[in-house]
Amino acid sequence: MSVCRMAIVGCGDIARFTALGCLLNRKMKAIACMDIDGDRSQAFARRFRIAGAYDDYEKLLDRDDLDAVYLAVPHDLHRPMIEEALERGLPVLCEKPIAAEMEDAVAICELSRKKNIPVGVNYQYRYDSACYALVDACREGKLGTIQYGRVNVPWNRKRGYFDDSPWHKSMARSGGGTLLTQASHVIDVALSAMGGHPVRVMGIVDRKVFTDVEVEDFGTGLIELDDGAVLTVTSSMIAVPERRILMEIYGTGGTVLYEGPDFPKVRFLGTKVKKRRPPIRGLHALFRSIEGFRRWITGGEEYLTPAGSTLSVLAAVKALYRSAETGKREPVDERYRKFIQP
């Protein structure tokens, strides 16, 4: 099979792991990179043996040898940059979330569907070996009927998280704080495992340490699903010390406990489960996600996180923010249902 030639857009921290993933995958090759900081783009290209470095997105897309685009840019740029790539006929793998607002997310998915060009979102935890086993067991009914779930993200971010990337401070640019930028990974996995669709929420957010930014450094809430199950979420940028993510799913026939993401572990209680591995092997969930995207756009194999499948997460988190403002239980924007795969 021919090599998939990818452009990496945005040369920050997460893009470095993606570039490394391309180096380790003989069927992937990063042939160009782009950042508005031309010096950073050049340094990135030298570090990861990428031939072309750009500081202009349009010039990057003018190349005629690209097979796909990977985006790791501020969230408010996702829609215009994805749309431009789709207009050029290029599939896109985008860092989460798909967009800062539901309006933009829906527009992206509608254009992707209209043009029949794939757009994926790098919710890489779906390729985490323990998360995959958890989701698979829940979907196979090994826990019986799912009653409720809990996720906790007790992380810590230093001042540089906001100062080095000022767009993180802005609600308009980022779409949210810890619930969206950190917790959405596990909310995505939990919703995928539980099977129901979010319909109503109650949320509380706060700026406990980083009081001069627009987004929350602490958030908690309750997500009601249409099948009666409930998911509770707590996420933080201010836990001292930072601890591992915890996820628990409780059913009528058993319980599953997850701890990760580094050296992930999953335990099943009250039920016997043969843990299935993700369909793709690799050193890390991110590398598996990249390879999954490659197989999707080159051979039509199922990718675990097409853009449409991630809209329910964005809709639930945005509803949590509305609830925090109103102090009331808020409905979830159900436009995500248009993109649920049968």
Protein backbone atom coordinates (compact mmCIF):
# COMPACT_ATOMS: atom_id res chain seq x y z
CA MET A 1 0.00 0.00 0.00
CA SER A 2 1.26 3.46 -0.84
CA VAL A 3 2.40 5.82 1.89
CA CYS A 4 -0.13 8.36 3.22
CA ARG A 5 1.42 11.82 2.89
CA MET A 6 0.28 14.18 5.64
CA ALA A 7 0.66 17.87 6.41
CA ILE A 8 0.95 18.83 10.08
CA VAL A 9 -0.61 22.21 10.87
CA GLY A 10 0.30 23.77 14.21
CA CYS A 11 3.73 22.86 15.56
CA GLY A 12 3.04 22.76 19.30
CA ASP A 13 3.29 20.04 21.92
CA ILE A 14 0.74 17.50 20.68
CA ALA A 15 1.94 17.87 17.08
CA ARG A 16 5.36 16.63 18.17
CA PHE A 17 3.88 13.30 19.18
CA THR A 18 1.97 13.11 15.90
CA ALA A 19 5.15 13.80 13.93
CA LEU A 20 6.93 11.10 15.93
CA GLY A 21 4.06 8.74 15.18
CA CYS A 22 4.53 9.41 11.47
CA LEU A 23 8.24 8.66 11.76
CA LEU A 24 7.51 5.34 13.45
CA ASN A 25 4.85 4.30 10.91
CA ARG A 26 6.27 3.17 7.58
CA LYS A 27 2.90 3.79 5.93
CA MET A 28 2.68 7.42 7.10
CA LYS A 29 4.91 10.30 6.14
CA ALA A 30 4.75 13.92 7.26
CA ILE A 31 5.87 15.77 4.14
CA ALA A 32 5.01 19.32 5.22
CA CYS A 33 4.34 21.34 8.36
CA MET A 34 2.93 24.80 8.97
CA ASP A 35 2.85 27.28 11.84
CA ILE A 36 2.19 31.02 11.83
CA ASP A 37 5.56 31.29 13.60
CA GLY A 38 7.87 30.56 10.69
CA ASP A 39 10.88 29.92 12.92
CA ARG A 40 8.97 27.32 14.89
CA SER A 41 7.80 25.65 11.69
CA GLN A 42 11.37 25.48 10.38
CA ALA A 43 12.68 24.07 13.65
CA PHE A 44 9.87 21.52 13.73
CA ALA A 45 10.67 20.42 10.18
CA ARG A 46 14.36 19.94 11.01
CA ARG A 47 13.60 17.99 14.16
CA PHE A 48 11.21 15.54 12.51
CA ARG A 49 12.84 15.31 9.07
CA ILE A 50 9.97 17.05 7.27
CA ALA A 51 10.87 18.41 3.85
CA GLY A 52 8.50 21.39 3.61
CA ALA A 53 7.95 24.12 6.24
CA TYR A 54 5.38 26.91 5.85
CA ASP A 55 3.96 29.88 7.72
CA ASP A 56 0.93 30.23 5.41
CA TYR A 57 -1.93 27.71 5.34
CA GLU A 58 -3.06 28.57 1.81
CA LYS A 59 0.42 27.99 0.41
CA LEU A 60 0.62 24.67 2.23
CA LEU A 61 -2.67 23.54 0.70
CA ASP A 62 -1.47 24.59 -2.76
CA ARG A 63 0.75 21.50 -2.77
CA ASP A 64 -0.52 18.77 -5.07
CA ASP A 65 1.07 15.85 -3.21
CA LEU A 66 -0.93 15.88 0.04
CA ASP A 67 -3.19 12.99 1.03
CA ALA A 68 -4.45 14.44 4.34
CA VAL A 69 -4.16 17.30 6.81
CA TYR A 70 -3.64 17.06 10.57
CA LEU A 71 -4.73 20.11 12.60
CA ALA A 72 -3.39 21.02 16.04
CA VAL A 73 -4.43 24.66 16.20
CA PRO A 74 -6.63 26.85 18.46
CA HIS A 75 -10.18 25.55 18.52
CA ASP A 76 -11.77 28.60 16.89
CA LEU A 77 -9.64 27.96 13.80
CA HIS A 78 -10.90 24.42 13.30
CA ARG A 79 -13.95 25.26 11.22
CA PRO A 80 -12.32 27.60 8.65
CA MET A 81 -9.23 25.42 8.29
CA ILE A 82 -11.18 22.17 8.00
CA GLU A 83 -13.56 23.71 5.48
CA GLU A 84 -10.65 24.96 3.37
CA ALA A 85 -9.06 21.51 3.38
CA LEU A 86 -12.36 19.87 2.43
CA GLU A 87 -12.77 22.32 -0.44
CA ARG A 88 -9.39 21.10 -1.68
CA GLY A 89 -10.60 17.51 -1.40
CA LEU A 90 -8.36 16.64 1.56
CA PRO A 91 -9.39 14.46 4.52
CA VAL A 92 -8.68 15.97 7.94
CA LEU A 93 -7.64 14.59 11.31
CA CYS A 94 -8.30 17.28 13.90
CA GLU A 95 -7.36 17.53 17.54
CA LYS A 96 -10.33 17.62 19.91
CA PRO A 97 -12.80 19.17 20.16
CA ILE A 98 -14.07 19.33 16.59
CA ALA A 99 -14.93 23.01 17.18
CA ALA A 100 -15.39 25.53 19.98
CA GLU A 101 -19.14 25.83 19.37
CA MET A 102 -21.89 23.48 18.23
CA GLU A 103 -22.83 25.70 15.28
CA ASP A 104 -19.36 25.27 13.82
CA ALA A 105 -19.23 21.56 14.63
CA VAL A 106 -22.51 20.89 12.85
CA ALA A 107 -21.38 22.88 9.82
CA ILE A 108 -18.15 20.89 9.60
CA CYS A 109 -19.97 17.55 9.76
CA GLU A 110 -22.54 18.63 7.20
CA LEU A 111 -19.83 19.70 4.74
CA SER A 112 -17.89 16.48 5.32
CA ARG A 113 -21.04 14.48 4.61
CA LYS A 114 -21.95 16.57 1.55
CA LYS A 115 -18.52 16.17 0.00
CA ASN A 116 -18.06 12.60 1.23
CA ILE A 117 -14.61 13.47 2.55
CA PRO A 118 -13.61 12.04 5.95
CA VAL A 119 -13.02 14.24 9.00
CA GLY A 120 -11.76 12.54 12.15
CA VAL A 121 -11.25 13.87 15.66
CA ASN A 122 -8.28 12.63 17.65
CA TYR A 123 -10.08 11.39 20.74
CA GLN A 124 -7.21 8.98 21.12
CA TYR A 125 -8.48 7.39 24.36
CA ARG A 126 -10.78 5.24 22.25
CA TYR A 127 -7.57 3.53 21.10
CA ASP A 128 -6.28 3.20 24.68
CA SER A 129 -6.11 -0.54 25.33
CA ALA A 130 -7.91 -0.38 28.69
CA CYS A 131 -10.57 2.05 27.44
CA TYR A 132 -11.18 -0.15 24.42
CA ALA A 133 -11.70 -3.21 26.63
CA LEU A 134 -14.05 -1.19 28.85
CA VAL A 135 -16.18 0.04 25.96
CA ASP A 136 -16.25 -3.36 24.29
CA ALA A 137 -17.41 -5.13 27.45
CA CYS A 138 -20.17 -2.59 28.06
CA ARG A 139 -21.42 -2.82 24.49
CA GLU A 140 -21.39 -6.62 24.66
CA GLY A 141 -23.65 -6.50 27.70
CA LYS A 142 -21.08 -7.91 30.12
CA LEU A 143 -22.17 -5.39 32.78
CA GLY A 144 -25.87 -5.91 32.19
CA THR A 145 -27.93 -2.73 31.97
CA ILE A 146 -25.77 0.33 32.60
CA GLN A 147 -27.08 2.31 35.59
CA TYR A 148 -24.56 5.09 36.05
CA GLY A 149 -20.97 6.16 35.54
CA ARG A 150 -18.41 8.47 37.11
CA VAL A 151 -15.30 10.15 35.71
CA ASN A 152 -12.71 12.18 37.58
CA VAL A 153 -9.82 14.09 35.99
CA PRO A 154 -7.66 15.42 38.88
CA TRP A 155 -4.99 17.15 36.80
CA ASN A 156 -2.79 20.17 37.38
CA ARG A 157 -1.74 22.93 35.00
CA LYS A 158 0.91 25.54 35.69
CA ARG A 159 0.72 29.22 34.77
CA GLY A 160 2.57 28.58 31.54
CA TYR A 161 -0.41 26.64 30.20
CA PHE A 162 -2.18 29.98 29.75
CA ASP A 163 0.77 32.33 29.31
CA ASP A 164 2.51 30.28 26.61
CA SER A 165 -0.73 29.73 24.67
CA PRO A 166 -2.96 32.75 25.44
CA TRP A 167 -5.84 31.36 23.40
CA HIS A 168 -6.39 28.86 26.23
CA LYS A 169 -7.58 31.80 28.36
CA SER A 170 -10.36 32.80 25.97
CA MET A 171 -13.79 31.18 25.99
CA ALA A 172 -14.41 32.40 22.43
CA ARG A 173 -11.18 30.85 21.15
CA SER A 174 -11.01 27.64 23.19
CA GLY A 175 -14.69 26.93 23.79
CA GLY A 176 -14.04 26.06 27.42
CA GLY A 177 -11.59 25.06 30.11
CA THR A 178 -10.96 21.81 31.92
CA LEU A 179 -14.30 20.15 31.08
CA LEU A 180 -13.69 20.57 27.35
CA THR A 181 -9.91 20.48 27.02
CA GLN A 182 -9.17 17.69 29.49
CA ALA A 183 -12.31 15.85 30.62
CA SER A 184 -13.89 15.51 27.17
CA HIS A 185 -11.50 12.63 26.42
CA VAL A 186 -13.04 10.49 29.15
CA ILE A 187 -16.56 11.82 28.69
CA ASP A 188 -16.24 10.57 25.11
CA VAL A 189 -15.21 7.10 26.29
CA ALA A 190 -17.87 6.94 29.01
CA LEU A 191 -20.69 7.97 26.66
CA SER A 192 -19.45 5.47 24.09
CA ALA A 193 -19.48 2.72 26.72
CA MET A 194 -22.80 3.58 28.36
CA GLY A 195 -24.64 3.66 25.05
CA GLY A 196 -27.29 6.26 25.87
CA HIS A 197 -27.42 9.76 24.44
CA PRO A 198 -27.18 12.92 26.58
CA VAL A 199 -30.42 14.86 26.97
CA ARG A 200 -30.14 17.06 30.12
CA VAL A 201 -27.38 18.31 32.40
CA MET A 202 -26.62 20.17 35.61
CA GLY A 203 -23.23 21.86 35.89
CA ILE A 204 -21.02 23.96 38.14
CA VAL A 205 -17.79 25.63 37.04
CA ASP A 206 -15.33 27.87 38.85
CA ARG A 207 -12.03 29.72 38.53
CA LYS A 208 -10.42 28.75 41.81
CA VAL A 209 -6.74 29.44 41.04
CA PHE A 210 -6.56 31.01 37.59
CA THR A 211 -8.96 33.83 38.38
CA ASP A 212 -7.83 36.11 35.53
CA VAL A 213 -8.86 33.79 32.67
CA GLU A 214 -12.27 33.33 31.05
CA VAL A 215 -12.41 29.54 31.26
CA GLU A 216 -12.90 27.26 34.25
CA ASP A 217 -10.07 25.53 36.08
CA PHE A 218 -12.61 23.36 37.93
CA GLY A 219 -15.85 21.89 36.71
CA THR A 220 -18.32 19.26 37.81
CA GLY A 221 -21.69 18.13 36.61
CA LEU A 222 -24.28 15.49 35.93
CA ILE A 223 -25.27 14.27 32.46
CA GLU A 224 -28.61 12.50 32.09
CA LEU A 225 -28.93 10.02 29.22
CA ASP A 226 -32.05 9.15 27.27
CA ASP A 227 -32.07 5.58 28.60
CA GLY A 228 -32.19 6.73 32.24
CA ALA A 229 -28.50 6.26 33.02
CA VAL A 230 -26.54 9.11 34.57
CA LEU A 231 -22.90 10.15 34.13
CA THR A 232 -21.23 12.38 36.72
CA VAL A 233 -18.11 14.32 35.78
CA THR A 234 -15.46 16.18 37.80
CA SER A 235 -12.43 17.76 36.18
CA SER A 236 -9.70 20.03 37.42
CA MET A 237 -6.54 21.89 36.40
CA ILE A 238 -5.69 22.55 40.05
CA ALA A 239 -5.39 19.18 41.82
CA VAL A 240 -2.30 18.95 44.06
CA PRO A 241 -0.65 16.65 43.40
CA GLU A 242 -1.94 15.69 39.96
CA ARG A 243 -3.37 12.19 39.93
CA ARG A 244 -4.47 9.65 37.36
CA ILE A 245 -7.81 9.73 35.58
CA LEU A 246 -10.46 7.49 37.13
CA MET A 247 -13.53 6.17 35.34
CA GLU A 248 -16.18 3.85 36.75
CA ILE A 249 -19.17 2.31 34.98
CA TYR A 250 -21.81 0.48 37.04
CA GLY A 251 -24.30 -1.99 35.60
CA THR A 252 -26.88 -4.45 36.89
CA GLY A 253 -24.45 -7.32 36.25
CA GLY A 254 -21.07 -5.85 37.14
CA THR A 255 -18.74 -2.89 37.41
CA VAL A 256 -15.71 -1.73 35.45
CA LEU A 257 -12.95 0.50 36.82
CA TYR A 258 -10.41 2.37 34.65
CA GLU A 259 -7.24 4.16 35.67
CA GLY A 260 -4.89 5.94 33.27
CA PRO A 261 -3.93 7.15 30.76
CA ASP A 262 -0.25 6.38 31.44
CA PHE A 263 0.12 2.62 31.91
CA PRO A 264 -3.67 2.23 31.71
CA LYS A 265 -5.44 -0.39 33.79
CA VAL A 266 -8.96 -1.79 33.68
CA ARG A 267 -10.61 -4.09 36.23
CA PHE A 268 -13.97 -5.85 36.03
CA LEU A 269 -15.86 -6.65 39.22
CA GLY A 270 -18.77 -9.08 39.51
CA THR A 271 -18.46 -10.30 35.94
CA LYS A 272 -16.00 -12.30 33.86
CA VAL A 273 -14.70 -10.52 30.80
CA LYS A 274 -12.15 -11.52 28.19
CA LYS A 275 -10.43 -8.22 27.45
CA ARG A 276 -10.30 -7.46 23.75
CA ARG A 277 -7.48 -5.42 22.30
CA PRO A 278 -7.89 -2.41 20.01
CA PRO A 279 -8.01 -3.34 16.31
CA ILE A 280 -4.66 -1.60 15.78
CA ARG A 281 -1.38 -2.33 17.50
CA GLY A 282 1.07 0.38 18.47
CA LEU A 283 3.19 1.82 21.25
CA HIS A 284 0.65 4.44 22.29
CA ALA A 285 -3.02 5.25 21.82
CA LEU A 286 -2.11 8.34 19.79
CA PHE A 287 -0.07 6.30 17.34
CA ARG A 288 -2.92 3.80 17.02
CA SER A 289 -5.36 6.64 16.35
CA ILE A 290 -3.14 8.02 13.58
CA GLU A 291 -2.88 4.59 11.97
CA GLY A 292 -6.62 4.11 12.33
CA PHE A 293 -7.18 7.37 10.49
CA ARG A 294 -4.80 6.27 7.73
CA ARG A 295 -6.63 2.98 7.26
CA TRP A 296 -9.95 4.86 7.19
CA ILE A 297 -9.00 7.25 4.41
CA THR A 298 -6.98 4.78 2.35
CA GLY A 299 -8.90 1.54 2.75
CA GLY A 300 -12.29 2.41 4.20
CA GLU A 301 -11.74 0.56 7.49
CA GLU A 302 -13.78 1.81 10.44
CA TYR A 303 -12.22 4.69 12.36
CA LEU A 304 -13.28 4.87 15.99
CA THR A 305 -13.72 8.66 16.12
CA PRO A 306 -15.25 10.16 12.97
CA ALA A 307 -16.22 13.76 13.60
CA GLY A 308 -19.95 13.11 13.80
CA SER A 309 -19.52 10.62 16.64
CA THR A 310 -17.90 13.28 18.83
CA LEU A 311 -20.63 15.93 18.64
CA SER A 312 -22.52 14.51 21.60
CA VAL A 313 -19.51 15.23 23.84
CA LEU A 314 -19.31 18.84 22.70
CA ALA A 315 -23.07 19.27 23.07
CA ALA A 316 -23.02 17.88 26.62
CA VAL A 317 -20.11 20.06 27.74
CA LYS A 318 -21.60 23.23 26.24
CA ALA A 319 -24.85 22.44 28.05
CA LEU A 320 -22.90 22.09 31.31
CA TYR A 321 -21.58 25.61 30.76
CA ARG A 322 -25.09 26.95 30.16
CA SER A 323 -26.31 25.23 33.31
CA ALA A 324 -23.48 26.77 35.32
CA GLU A 325 -24.63 30.21 34.12
CA THR A 326 -28.34 29.73 34.71
CA GLY A 327 -28.18 27.55 37.80
CA LYS A 328 -30.80 25.31 36.20
CA ARG A 329 -31.00 21.92 34.56
CA GLU A 330 -30.39 22.55 30.87
CA PRO A 331 -31.28 20.54 27.74
CA VAL A 332 -28.53 19.28 25.47
CA ASP A 333 -28.44 20.58 21.89
CA GLU A 334 -29.65 17.47 20.07
CA ARG A 335 -28.38 18.36 16.60
CA TYR A 336 -25.66 15.80 17.26
CA ARG A 337 -28.28 13.09 16.68
CA LYS A 338 -28.17 13.79 12.93
CA PHE A 339 -24.70 12.29 12.83
CA ILE A 340 -25.15 9.22 15.00
CA GLN A 341 -24.13 6.20 13.00
CA PRO A 342 -26.61 3.30 12.98
